[in-house]
Amino acid sequence: MEQQLEKVLSEILTQQDTVGALVANRQGLCLGAKGNINPNVSGIGMAISEQVAKLEPNSTLPATVCLYSGNKRCVIQKDGDITGIIYKQTTPTTAATATASTSASN
């Protein structure tokens, strides 16, 4: 299982703008982490995902949260007993695209 988890985390890190990824169990314990992410965030990420899942308890879709801070994003998704946390760094190209689309819609 560890090799499969390592493979999945490595694949996540190949995604555009991704700088870190982590998987936590339902107790908030870090099962695996790769890249620029602190394994100690597993507990708070799991707690956030638990609270978000309560907003729509009958939903069949995984609860997902996206937090923005400066040029970084933190995506948290709970699916069953597993919570995934992904850190993304906004690149200048991504930021320019977002600014252009916001300006165009105003």
PDB file of N, CA and C in Angstrom:
ATOM      1  N   MET A   1       0.819  -1.191   0.000  1.00  0.00           N
ATOM      2  CA  MET A   1       0.000   0.000   0.000  1.00  0.00           C
ATOM      3  C   MET A   1       0.866   1.259   0.000  1.00  0.00           C
ATOM      4  N   GLU A   2       1.980   1.237   0.724  1.00  0.00           N
ATOM      5  CA  GLU A   2       2.848   2.412   0.768  1.00  0.00           C
ATOM      6  C   GLU A   2       3.381   2.783  -0.600  1.00  0.00           C
ATOM      7  N   GLN A   3       3.761   1.784  -1.386  1.00  0.00           N
ATOM      8  CA  GLN A   3       4.280   2.068  -2.723  1.00  0.00           C
ATOM      9  C   GLN A   3       3.208   2.695  -3.598  1.00  0.00           C
ATOM     10  N   GLN A   4       1.974   2.214  -3.488  1.00  0.00           N
ATOM     11  CA  GLN A   4       0.884   2.763  -4.279  1.00  0.00           C
ATOM     12  C   GLN A   4       0.591   4.204  -3.853  1.00  0.00           C
ATOM     13  N   LEU A   5       0.607   4.463  -2.551  1.00  0.00           N
ATOM     14  CA  LEU A   5       0.380   5.809  -2.038  1.00  0.00           C
ATOM     15  C   LEU A   5       1.485   6.757  -2.509  1.00  0.00           C
ATOM     16  N   GLU A   6       2.724   6.305  -2.456  1.00  0.00           N
ATOM     17  CA  GLU A   6       3.849   7.109  -2.934  1.00  0.00           C
ATOM     18  C   GLU A   6       3.695   7.426  -4.416  1.00  0.00           C
ATOM     19  N   LYS A   7       3.231   6.449  -5.188  1.00  0.00           N
ATOM     20  CA  LYS A   7       3.037   6.638  -6.623  1.00  0.00           C
ATOM     21  C   LYS A   7       1.960   7.700  -6.876  1.00  0.00           C
ATOM     22  N   VAL A   8       0.849   7.611  -6.147  1.00  0.00           N
ATOM     23  CA  VAL A   8      -0.241   8.574  -6.311  1.00  0.00           C
ATOM     24  C   VAL A   8       0.226   9.980  -5.941  1.00  0.00           C
ATOM     25  N   LEU A   9       0.928  10.112  -4.816  1.00  0.00           N
ATOM     26  CA  LEU A   9       1.429  11.425  -4.399  1.00  0.00           C
ATOM     27  C   LEU A   9       2.407  11.988  -5.426  1.00  0.00           C
ATOM     28  N   SER A  10       3.252  11.141  -5.983  1.00  0.00           N
ATOM     29  CA  SER A  10       4.195  11.583  -7.019  1.00  0.00           C
ATOM     30  C   SER A  10       3.462  12.064  -8.262  1.00  0.00           C
ATOM     31  N   GLU A  11       2.398  11.360  -8.636  1.00  0.00           N
ATOM     32  CA  GLU A  11       1.603  11.758  -9.801  1.00  0.00           C
ATOM     33  C   GLU A  11       0.908  13.094  -9.556  1.00  0.00           C
ATOM     34  N   ILE A  12       0.424  13.299  -8.353  1.00  0.00           N
ATOM     35  CA  ILE A  12      -0.225  14.571  -8.017  1.00  0.00           C
ATOM     36  C   ILE A  12       0.772  15.716  -8.165  1.00  0.00           C
ATOM     37  N   LEU A  13       2.001  15.495  -7.725  1.00  0.00           N
ATOM     38  CA  LEU A  13       3.019  16.547  -7.806  1.00  0.00           C
ATOM     39  C   LEU A  13       3.390  16.921  -9.232  1.00  0.00           C
ATOM     40  N   THR A  14       3.084  16.060 -10.199  1.00  0.00           N
ATOM     41  CA  THR A  14       3.388  16.391 -11.594  1.00  0.00           C
ATOM     42  C   THR A  14       2.352  17.337 -12.192  1.00  0.00           C
ATOM     43  N   GLN A  15       1.244  17.561 -11.490  1.00  0.00           N
ATOM     44  CA  GLN A  15       0.204  18.452 -11.993  1.00  0.00           C
ATOM     45  C   GLN A  15       0.669  19.902 -11.945  1.00  0.00           C
ATOM     46  N   GLN A  16       0.203  20.692 -12.887  1.00  0.00           N
ATOM     47  CA  GLN A  16       0.600  22.090 -13.006  1.00  0.00           C
ATOM     48  C   GLN A  16       0.394  22.854 -11.699  1.00  0.00           C
ATOM     49  N   ASP A  17       1.387  23.628 -11.301  1.00  0.00           N
ATOM     50  CA  ASP A  17       1.371  24.509 -10.132  1.00  0.00           C
ATOM     51  C   ASP A  17       1.361  23.784  -8.785  1.00  0.00           C
ATOM     52  N   THR A  18       1.350  22.453  -8.759  1.00  0.00           N
ATOM     53  CA  THR A  18       1.303  21.710  -7.498  1.00  0.00           C
ATOM     54  C   THR A  18       2.691  21.672  -6.863  1.00  0.00           C
ATOM     55  N   VAL A  19       2.751  22.057  -5.577  1.00  0.00           N
ATOM     56  CA  VAL A  19       4.038  22.070  -4.880  1.00  0.00           C
ATOM     57  C   VAL A  19       4.091  21.087  -3.713  1.00  0.00           C
ATOM     58  N   GLY A  20       2.929  20.585  -3.270  1.00  0.00           N
ATOM     59  CA  GLY A  20       2.916  19.638  -2.167  1.00  0.00           C
ATOM     60  C   GLY A  20       1.603  18.881  -2.099  1.00  0.00           C
ATOM     61  N   ALA A  21       1.656  17.657  -1.592  1.00  0.00           N
ATOM     62  CA  ALA A  21       0.450  16.837  -1.463  1.00  0.00           C
ATOM     63  C   ALA A  21       0.571  15.950  -0.234  1.00  0.00           C
ATOM     64  N   LEU A  22      -0.573  15.699   0.374  1.00  0.00           N
ATOM     65  CA  LEU A  22      -0.612  14.922   1.612  1.00  0.00           C
ATOM     66  C   LEU A  22      -1.909  14.132   1.664  1.00  0.00           C
ATOM     67  N   VAL A  23      -1.864  12.958   2.276  1.00  0.00           N
ATOM     68  CA  VAL A  23      -3.054  12.142   2.491  1.00  0.00           C
ATOM     69  C   VAL A  23      -3.133  11.822   3.981  1.00  0.00           C
ATOM     70  N   ALA A  24      -4.340  12.012   4.558  1.00  0.00           N
ATOM     71  CA  ALA A  24      -4.549  11.760   5.987  1.00  0.00           C
ATOM     72  C   ALA A  24      -5.686  10.767   6.178  1.00  0.00           C
ATOM     73  N   ASN A  25      -5.632  10.033   7.288  1.00  0.00           N
ATOM     74  CA  ASN A  25      -6.725   9.109   7.608  1.00  0.00           C
ATOM     75  C   ASN A  25      -7.805   9.842   8.405  1.00  0.00           C
ATOM     76  N   ARG A  26      -8.838   9.138   8.831  1.00  0.00           N
ATOM     77  CA  ARG A  26      -9.957   9.802   9.505  1.00  0.00           C
ATOM     78  C   ARG A  26      -9.630  10.292  10.908  1.00  0.00           C
ATOM     79  N   GLN A  27      -8.507   9.884  11.447  1.00  0.00           N
ATOM     80  CA  GLN A  27      -8.047  10.412  12.733  1.00  0.00           C
ATOM     81  C   GLN A  27      -7.152  11.647  12.546  1.00  0.00           C
ATOM     82  N   GLY A  28      -6.881  12.003  11.290  1.00  0.00           N
ATOM     83  CA  GLY A  28      -6.026  13.148  11.005  1.00  0.00           C
ATOM     84  C   GLY A  28      -4.549  12.820  10.978  1.00  0.00           C
ATOM     85  N   LEU A  29      -4.225  11.538  10.981  1.00  0.00           N
ATOM     86  CA  LEU A  29      -2.814  11.133  10.927  1.00  0.00           C
ATOM     87  C   LEU A  29      -2.339  11.113   9.481  1.00  0.00           C
ATOM     88  N   CYS A  30      -1.159  11.641   9.257  1.00  0.00           N
ATOM     89  CA  CYS A  30      -0.589  11.702   7.922  1.00  0.00           C
ATOM     90  C   CYS A  30      -0.186  10.298   7.458  1.00  0.00           C
ATOM     91  N   LEU A  31      -0.756   9.865   6.348  1.00  0.00           N
ATOM     92  CA  LEU A  31      -0.407   8.569   5.769  1.00  0.00           C
ATOM     93  C   LEU A  31       0.755   8.685   4.800  1.00  0.00           C
ATOM     94  N   GLY A  32       0.912   9.883   4.235  1.00  0.00           N
ATOM     95  CA  GLY A  32       2.000  10.121   3.293  1.00  0.00           C
ATOM     96  C   GLY A  32       1.991  11.568   2.853  1.00  0.00           C
ATOM     97  N   ALA A  33       3.169  12.112   2.580  1.00  0.00           N
ATOM     98  CA  ALA A  33       3.295  13.489   2.117  1.00  0.00           C
ATOM     99  C   ALA A  33       4.466  13.577   1.153  1.00  0.00           C
ATOM    100  N   LYS A  34       4.341  14.436   0.157  1.00  0.00           N
ATOM    101  CA  LYS A  34       5.418  14.664  -0.812  1.00  0.00           C
ATOM    102  C   LYS A  34       5.436  16.135  -1.179  1.00  0.00           C
ATOM    103  N   GLY A  35       6.621  16.626  -1.448  1.00  0.00           N
ATOM    104  CA  GLY A  35       6.770  18.009  -1.874  1.00  0.00           C
ATOM    105  C   GLY A  35       6.843  18.974  -0.702  1.00  0.00           C
ATOM    106  N   ASN A  36       6.510  20.214  -0.976  1.00  0.00           N
ATOM    107  CA  ASN A  36       6.616  21.285   0.009  1.00  0.00           C
ATOM    108  C   ASN A  36       5.310  21.406   0.798  1.00  0.00           C
ATOM    109  N   ILE A  37       5.113  20.491   1.739  1.00  0.00           N
ATOM    110  CA  ILE A  37       3.929  20.481   2.590  1.00  0.00           C
ATOM    111  C   ILE A  37       4.330  19.906   3.950  1.00  0.00           C
ATOM    112  N   ASN A  38       3.847  20.523   4.993  1.00  0.00           N
ATOM    113  CA  ASN A  38       4.167  20.083   6.349  1.00  0.00           C
ATOM    114  C   ASN A  38       3.203  18.961   6.757  1.00  0.00           C
ATOM    115  N   PRO A  39       3.695  17.780   7.096  1.00  0.00           N
ATOM    116  CA  PRO A  39       2.815  16.678   7.496  1.00  0.00           C
ATOM    117  C   PRO A  39       1.931  17.010   8.700  1.00  0.00           C
ATOM    118  N   ASN A  40       2.313  18.014   9.487  1.00  0.00           N
ATOM    119  CA  ASN A  40       1.514  18.397  10.649  1.00  0.00           C
ATOM    120  C   ASN A  40       0.190  19.065  10.294  1.00  0.00           C
ATOM    121  N   VAL A  41      -0.013  19.448   9.022  1.00  0.00           N
ATOM    122  CA  VAL A  41      -1.293  20.051   8.630  1.00  0.00           C
ATOM    123  C   VAL A  41      -2.369  18.987   8.402  1.00  0.00           C
ATOM    124  N   SER A  42      -1.996  17.718   8.486  1.00  0.00           N
ATOM    125  CA  SER A  42      -2.959  16.644   8.219  1.00  0.00           C
ATOM    126  C   SER A  42      -4.158  16.707   9.162  1.00  0.00           C
ATOM    127  N   GLY A  43      -3.938  16.993  10.432  1.00  0.00           N
ATOM    128  CA  GLY A  43      -5.030  17.040  11.408  1.00  0.00           C
ATOM    129  C   GLY A  43      -6.005  18.167  11.145  1.00  0.00           C
ATOM    130  N   ILE A  44      -5.488  19.372  10.898  1.00  0.00           N
ATOM    131  CA  ILE A  44      -6.369  20.508  10.640  1.00  0.00           C
ATOM    132  C   ILE A  44      -7.085  20.346   9.305  1.00  0.00           C
ATOM    133  N   GLY A  45      -6.399  19.796   8.311  1.00  0.00           N
ATOM    134  CA  GLY A  45      -7.044  19.550   7.012  1.00  0.00           C
ATOM    135  C   GLY A  45      -8.187  18.564   7.144  1.00  0.00           C
ATOM    136  N   MET A  46      -7.973  17.507   7.913  1.00  0.00           N
ATOM    137  CA  MET A  46      -9.021  16.519   8.136  1.00  0.00           C
ATOM    138  C   MET A  46     -10.189  17.153   8.884  1.00  0.00           C
ATOM    139  N   ALA A  47      -9.905  17.976   9.899  1.00  0.00           N
ATOM    140  CA  ALA A  47     -10.965  18.619  10.678  1.00  0.00           C
ATOM    141  C   ALA A  47     -11.799  19.564   9.805  1.00  0.00           C
ATOM    142  N   ILE A  48     -11.131  20.312   8.937  1.00  0.00           N
ATOM    143  CA  ILE A  48     -11.853  21.204   8.021  1.00  0.00           C
ATOM    144  C   ILE A  48     -12.745  20.388   7.095  1.00  0.00           C
ATOM    145  N   SER A  49     -12.211  19.295   6.552  1.00  0.00           N
ATOM    146  CA  SER A  49     -12.999  18.476   5.623  1.00  0.00           C
ATOM    147  C   SER A  49     -14.207  17.845   6.313  1.00  0.00           C
ATOM    148  N   GLU A  50     -14.051  17.478   7.578  1.00  0.00           N
ATOM    149  CA  GLU A  50     -15.175  16.907   8.337  1.00  0.00           C
ATOM    150  C   GLU A  50     -16.300  17.927   8.477  1.00  0.00           C
ATOM    151  N   GLN A  51     -15.937  19.173   8.779  1.00  0.00           N
ATOM    152  CA  GLN A  51     -16.948  20.216   8.956  1.00  0.00           C
ATOM    153  C   GLN A  51     -17.648  20.532   7.641  1.00  0.00           C
ATOM    154  N   VAL A  52     -16.898  20.602   6.549  1.00  0.00           N
ATOM    155  CA  VAL A  52     -17.488  20.883   5.242  1.00  0.00           C
ATOM    156  C   VAL A  52     -18.430  19.755   4.820  1.00  0.00           C
ATOM    157  N   ALA A  53     -18.072  18.523   5.113  1.00  0.00           N
ATOM    158  CA  ALA A  53     -18.922  17.378   4.757  1.00  0.00           C
ATOM    159  C   ALA A  53     -20.284  17.461   5.450  1.00  0.00           C
ATOM    160  N   LYS A  54     -20.346  18.127   6.599  1.00  0.00           N
ATOM    161  CA  LYS A  54     -21.606  18.265   7.332  1.00  0.00           C
ATOM    162  C   LYS A  54     -22.575  19.228   6.654  1.00  0.00           C
ATOM    163  N   LEU A  55     -22.079  20.071   5.749  1.00  0.00           N
ATOM    164  CA  LEU A  55     -22.952  21.016   5.056  1.00  0.00           C
ATOM    165  C   LEU A  55     -23.959  20.290   4.169  1.00  0.00           C
ATOM    166  N   GLU A  56     -23.534  19.194   3.556  1.00  0.00           N
ATOM    167  CA  GLU A  56     -24.407  18.380   2.722  1.00  0.00           C
ATOM    168  C   GLU A  56     -24.155  16.912   3.052  1.00  0.00           C
ATOM    169  N   PRO A  57     -24.686  16.446   4.169  1.00  0.00           N
ATOM    170  CA  PRO A  57     -24.378  15.078   4.627  1.00  0.00           C
ATOM    171  C   PRO A  57     -24.865  13.973   3.696  1.00  0.00           C
ATOM    172  N   ASN A  58     -25.847  14.236   2.852  1.00  0.00           N
ATOM    173  CA  ASN A  58     -26.376  13.202   1.959  1.00  0.00           C
ATOM    174  C   ASN A  58     -25.770  13.250   0.560  1.00  0.00           C
ATOM    175  N   SER A  59     -24.801  14.114   0.358  1.00  0.00           N
ATOM    176  CA  SER A  59     -24.188  14.254  -0.964  1.00  0.00           C
ATOM    177  C   SER A  59     -23.364  13.012  -1.298  1.00  0.00           C
ATOM    178  N   THR A  60     -23.386  12.633  -2.560  1.00  0.00           N
ATOM    179  CA  THR A  60     -22.576  11.503  -3.017  1.00  0.00           C
ATOM    180  C   THR A  60     -21.221  11.978  -3.536  1.00  0.00           C
ATOM    181  N   LEU A  61     -21.060  13.304  -3.680  1.00  0.00           N
ATOM    182  CA  LEU A  61     -19.791  13.870  -4.134  1.00  0.00           C
ATOM    183  C   LEU A  61     -18.884  14.146  -2.938  1.00  0.00           C
ATOM    184  N   PRO A  62     -17.583  14.004  -3.115  1.00  0.00           N
ATOM    185  CA  PRO A  62     -16.666  14.285  -2.002  1.00  0.00           C
ATOM    186  C   PRO A  62     -16.701  15.764  -1.614  1.00  0.00           C
ATOM    187  N   ALA A  63     -16.626  16.039  -0.323  1.00  0.00           N
ATOM    188  CA  ALA A  63     -16.574  17.414   0.160  1.00  0.00           C
ATOM    189  C   ALA A  63     -15.218  18.014  -0.230  1.00  0.00           C
ATOM    190  N   THR A  64     -15.245  19.218  -0.815  1.00  0.00           N
ATOM    191  CA  THR A  64     -14.026  19.860  -1.278  1.00  0.00           C
ATOM    192  C   THR A  64     -13.978  21.305  -0.799  1.00  0.00           C
ATOM    193  N   VAL A  65     -12.806  21.734  -0.336  1.00  0.00           N
ATOM    194  CA  VAL A  65     -12.587  23.098   0.127  1.00  0.00           C
ATOM    195  C   VAL A  65     -11.379  23.650  -0.624  1.00  0.00           C
ATOM    196  N   CYS A  66     -11.451  24.908  -1.024  1.00  0.00           N
ATOM    197  CA  CYS A  66     -10.309  25.561  -1.647  1.00  0.00           C
ATOM    198  C   CYS A  66     -10.043  26.856  -0.896  1.00  0.00           C
ATOM    199  N   LEU A  67      -8.865  26.949  -0.286  1.00  0.00           N
ATOM    200  CA  LEU A  67      -8.464  28.128   0.472  1.00  0.00           C
ATOM    201  C   LEU A  67      -7.405  28.887  -0.321  1.00  0.00           C
ATOM    202  N   TYR A  68      -7.542  30.210  -0.358  1.00  0.00           N
ATOM    203  CA  TYR A  68      -6.594  31.057  -1.076  1.00  0.00           C
ATOM    204  C   TYR A  68      -5.884  31.969  -0.094  1.00  0.00           C
ATOM    205  N   SER A  69      -4.584  32.140  -0.280  1.00  0.00           N
ATOM    206  CA  SER A  69      -3.808  33.061   0.540  1.00  0.00           C
ATOM    207  C   SER A  69      -2.644  33.571  -0.301  1.00  0.00           C
ATOM    208  N   GLY A  70      -2.693  34.844  -0.663  1.00  0.00           N
ATOM    209  CA  GLY A  70      -1.626  35.396  -1.489  1.00  0.00           C
ATOM    210  C   GLY A  70      -1.528  34.665  -2.807  1.00  0.00           C
ATOM    211  N   ASN A  71      -0.375  34.097  -3.082  1.00  0.00           N
ATOM    212  CA  ASN A  71      -0.193  33.373  -4.349  1.00  0.00           C
ATOM    213  C   ASN A  71      -0.253  31.863  -4.163  1.00  0.00           C
ATOM    214  N   LYS A  72      -0.870  31.415  -3.070  1.00  0.00           N
ATOM    215  CA  LYS A  72      -0.980  29.972  -2.821  1.00  0.00           C
ATOM    216  C   LYS A  72      -2.439  29.555  -2.668  1.00  0.00           C
ATOM    217  N   ARG A  73      -2.693  28.300  -3.004  1.00  0.00           N
ATOM    218  CA  ARG A  73      -3.998  27.683  -2.807  1.00  0.00           C
ATOM    219  C   ARG A  73      -3.814  26.385  -2.047  1.00  0.00           C
ATOM    220  N   CYS A  74      -4.790  26.069  -1.236  1.00  0.00           N
ATOM    221  CA  CYS A  74      -4.806  24.803  -0.527  1.00  0.00           C
ATOM    222  C   CYS A  74      -6.150  24.144  -0.846  1.00  0.00           C
ATOM    223  N   VAL A  75      -6.095  23.002  -1.506  1.00  0.00           N
ATOM    224  CA  VAL A  75      -7.304  22.262  -1.854  1.00  0.00           C
ATOM    225  C   VAL A  75      -7.394  21.062  -0.922  1.00  0.00           C
ATOM    226  N   ILE A  76      -8.530  20.944  -0.230  1.00  0.00           N
ATOM    227  CA  ILE A  76      -8.758  19.852   0.716  1.00  0.00           C
ATOM    228  C   ILE A  76      -9.980  19.079   0.248  1.00  0.00           C
ATOM    229  N   GLN A  77      -9.835  17.774   0.120  1.00  0.00           N
ATOM    230  CA  GLN A  77     -10.970  16.954  -0.309  1.00  0.00           C
ATOM    231  C   GLN A  77     -11.051  15.694   0.542  1.00  0.00           C
ATOM    232  N   LYS A  78     -12.253  15.463   1.048  1.00  0.00           N
ATOM    233  CA  LYS A  78     -12.514  14.270   1.854  1.00  0.00           C
ATOM    234  C   LYS A  78     -13.330  13.303   1.008  1.00  0.00           C
ATOM    235  N   ASP A  79     -12.875  12.078   0.943  1.00  0.00           N
ATOM    236  CA  ASP A  79     -13.601  11.034   0.225  1.00  0.00           C
ATOM    237  C   ASP A  79     -13.563   9.784   1.091  1.00  0.00           C
ATOM    238  N   GLY A  80     -14.684   9.490   1.720  1.00  0.00           N
ATOM    239  CA  GLY A  80     -14.730   8.357   2.643  1.00  0.00           C
ATOM    240  C   GLY A  80     -13.921   8.653   3.877  1.00  0.00           C
ATOM    241  N   ASP A  81     -12.997   7.756   4.206  1.00  0.00           N
ATOM    242  CA  ASP A  81     -12.157   7.923   5.393  1.00  0.00           C
ATOM    243  C   ASP A  81     -10.838   8.632   5.097  1.00  0.00           C
ATOM    244  N   ILE A  82     -10.625   9.015   3.851  1.00  0.00           N
ATOM    245  CA  ILE A  82      -9.355   9.606   3.441  1.00  0.00           C
ATOM    246  C   ILE A  82      -9.551  11.073   3.086  1.00  0.00           C
ATOM    247  N   THR A  83      -8.603  11.903   3.544  1.00  0.00           N
ATOM    248  CA  THR A  83      -8.601  13.322   3.197  1.00  0.00           C
ATOM    249  C   THR A  83      -7.304  13.629   2.461  1.00  0.00           C
ATOM    250  N   GLY A  84      -7.435  14.303   1.333  1.00  0.00           N
ATOM    251  CA  GLY A  84      -6.278  14.726   0.562  1.00  0.00           C
ATOM    252  C   GLY A  84      -6.106  16.230   0.670  1.00  0.00           C
ATOM    253  N   ILE A  85      -4.871  16.674   0.799  1.00  0.00           N
ATOM    254  CA  ILE A  85      -4.558  18.093   0.876  1.00  0.00           C
ATOM    255  C   ILE A  85      -3.498  18.375  -0.178  1.00  0.00           C
ATOM    256  N   ILE A  86      -3.766  19.346  -1.028  1.00  0.00           N
ATOM    257  CA  ILE A  86      -2.842  19.706  -2.099  1.00  0.00           C
ATOM    258  C   ILE A  86      -2.539  21.192  -2.011  1.00  0.00           C
ATOM    259  N   TYR A  87      -1.257  21.538  -2.046  1.00  0.00           N
ATOM    260  CA  TYR A  87      -0.817  22.936  -2.092  1.00  0.00           C
ATOM    261  C   TYR A  87      -0.463  23.274  -3.533  1.00  0.00           C
ATOM    262  N   LYS A  88      -0.970  24.411  -3.976  1.00  0.00           N
ATOM    263  CA  LYS A  88      -0.648  24.897  -5.317  1.00  0.00           C
ATOM    264  C   LYS A  88      -0.071  26.293  -5.209  1.00  0.00           C
ATOM    265  N   GLN A  89       0.923  26.556  -6.015  1.00  0.00           N
ATOM    266  CA  GLN A  89       1.568  27.869  -6.080  1.00  0.00           C
ATOM    267  C   GLN A  89       1.090  28.528  -7.359  1.00  0.00           C
ATOM    268  N   THR A  90       0.534  29.724  -7.244  1.00  0.00           N
ATOM    269  CA  THR A  90       0.083  30.435  -8.430  1.00  0.00           C
ATOM    270  C   THR A  90       1.297  30.996  -9.144  1.00  0.00           C
ATOM    271  N   THR A  91       1.426  30.648 -10.413  1.00  0.00           N
ATOM    272  CA  THR A  91       2.531  31.165 -11.214  1.00  0.00           C
ATOM    273  C   THR A  91       2.119  32.521 -11.786  1.00  0.00           C
ATOM    274  N   PRO A  92       3.066  33.349 -12.210  1.00  0.00           N
ATOM    275  CA  PRO A  92       2.709  34.637 -12.808  1.00  0.00           C
ATOM    276  C   PRO A  92       1.760  34.488 -13.995  1.00  0.00           C
ATOM    277  N   THR A  93       1.921  33.432 -14.789  1.00  0.00           N
ATOM    278  CA  THR A  93       1.036  33.201 -15.924  1.00  0.00           C
ATOM    279  C   THR A  93      -0.384  32.922 -15.451  1.00  0.00           C
ATOM    280  N   THR A  94      -0.530  32.080 -14.414  1.00  0.00           N
ATOM    281  CA  THR A  94      -1.846  31.759 -13.868  1.00  0.00           C
ATOM    282  C   THR A  94      -2.487  33.006 -13.270  1.00  0.00           C
ATOM    283  N   ALA A  95      -1.710  33.804 -12.546  1.00  0.00           N
ATOM    284  CA  ALA A  95      -2.229  35.016 -11.924  1.00  0.00           C
ATOM    285  C   ALA A  95      -2.674  36.016 -12.978  1.00  0.00           C
ATOM    286  N   ALA A  96      -1.908  36.152 -14.070  1.00  0.00           N
ATOM    287  CA  ALA A  96      -2.272  37.077 -15.136  1.00  0.00           C
ATOM    288  C   ALA A  96      -3.560  36.643 -15.818  1.00  0.00           C
ATOM    289  N   THR A  97      -3.723  35.348 -16.021  1.00  0.00           N
ATOM    290  CA  THR A  97      -4.942  34.827 -16.624  1.00  0.00           C
ATOM    291  C   THR A  97      -6.141  35.099 -15.736  1.00  0.00           C
ATOM    292  N   ALA A  98      -5.992  34.882 -14.427  1.00  0.00           N
ATOM    293  CA  ALA A  98      -7.080  35.125 -13.489  1.00  0.00           C
ATOM    294  C   ALA A  98      -7.439  36.603 -13.441  1.00  0.00           C
ATOM    295  N   THR A  99      -6.432  37.480 -13.469  1.00  0.00           N
ATOM    296  CA  THR A  99      -6.673  38.919 -13.451  1.00  0.00           C
ATOM    297  C   THR A  99      -7.372  39.346 -14.732  1.00  0.00           C
ATOM    298  N   ALA A 100      -6.932  38.812 -15.878  1.00  0.00           N
ATOM    299  CA  ALA A 100      -7.540  39.153 -17.154  1.00  0.00           C
ATOM    300  C   ALA A 100      -8.990  38.721 -17.205  1.00  0.00           C
ATOM    301  N   SER A 101      -9.300  37.524 -16.704  1.00  0.00           N
ATOM    302  CA  SER A 101     -10.687  37.041 -16.745  1.00  0.00           C
ATOM    303  C   SER A 101     -11.559  37.830 -15.780  1.00  0.00           C
ATOM    304  N   THR A 102     -10.996  38.275 -14.643  1.00  0.00           N
ATOM    305  CA  THR A 102     -11.751  39.093 -13.703  1.00  0.00           C
ATOM    306  C   THR A 102     -12.018  40.466 -14.310  1.00  0.00           C
ATOM    307  N   SER A 103     -11.028  41.045 -14.961  1.00  0.00           N
ATOM    308  CA  SER A 103     -11.187  42.359 -15.603  1.00  0.00           C
ATOM    309  C   SER A 103     -12.195  42.297 -16.738  1.00  0.00           C
ATOM    310  N   ALA A 104     -12.175  41.221 -17.488  1.00  0.00           N
ATOM    311  CA  ALA A 104     -13.100  41.069 -18.620  1.00  0.00           C
ATOM    312  C   ALA A 104     -14.537  40.941 -18.154  1.00  0.00           C
ATOM    313  N   SER A 105     -14.751  40.341 -17.005  1.00  0.00           N
ATOM    314  CA  SER A 105     -16.117  40.149 -16.522  1.00  0.00           C
ATOM    315  C   SER A 105     -16.686  41.405 -15.863  1.00  0.00           C
ATOM    316  N   ASN A 106     -15.817  42.380 -15.531  1.00  0.00           N
ATOM    317  CA  ASN A 106     -16.283  43.639 -14.932  1.00  0.00           C
ATOM    318  C   ASN A 106     -16.662  44.563 -15.985  1.00  0.00           C
TER     319      ASN A 106
END
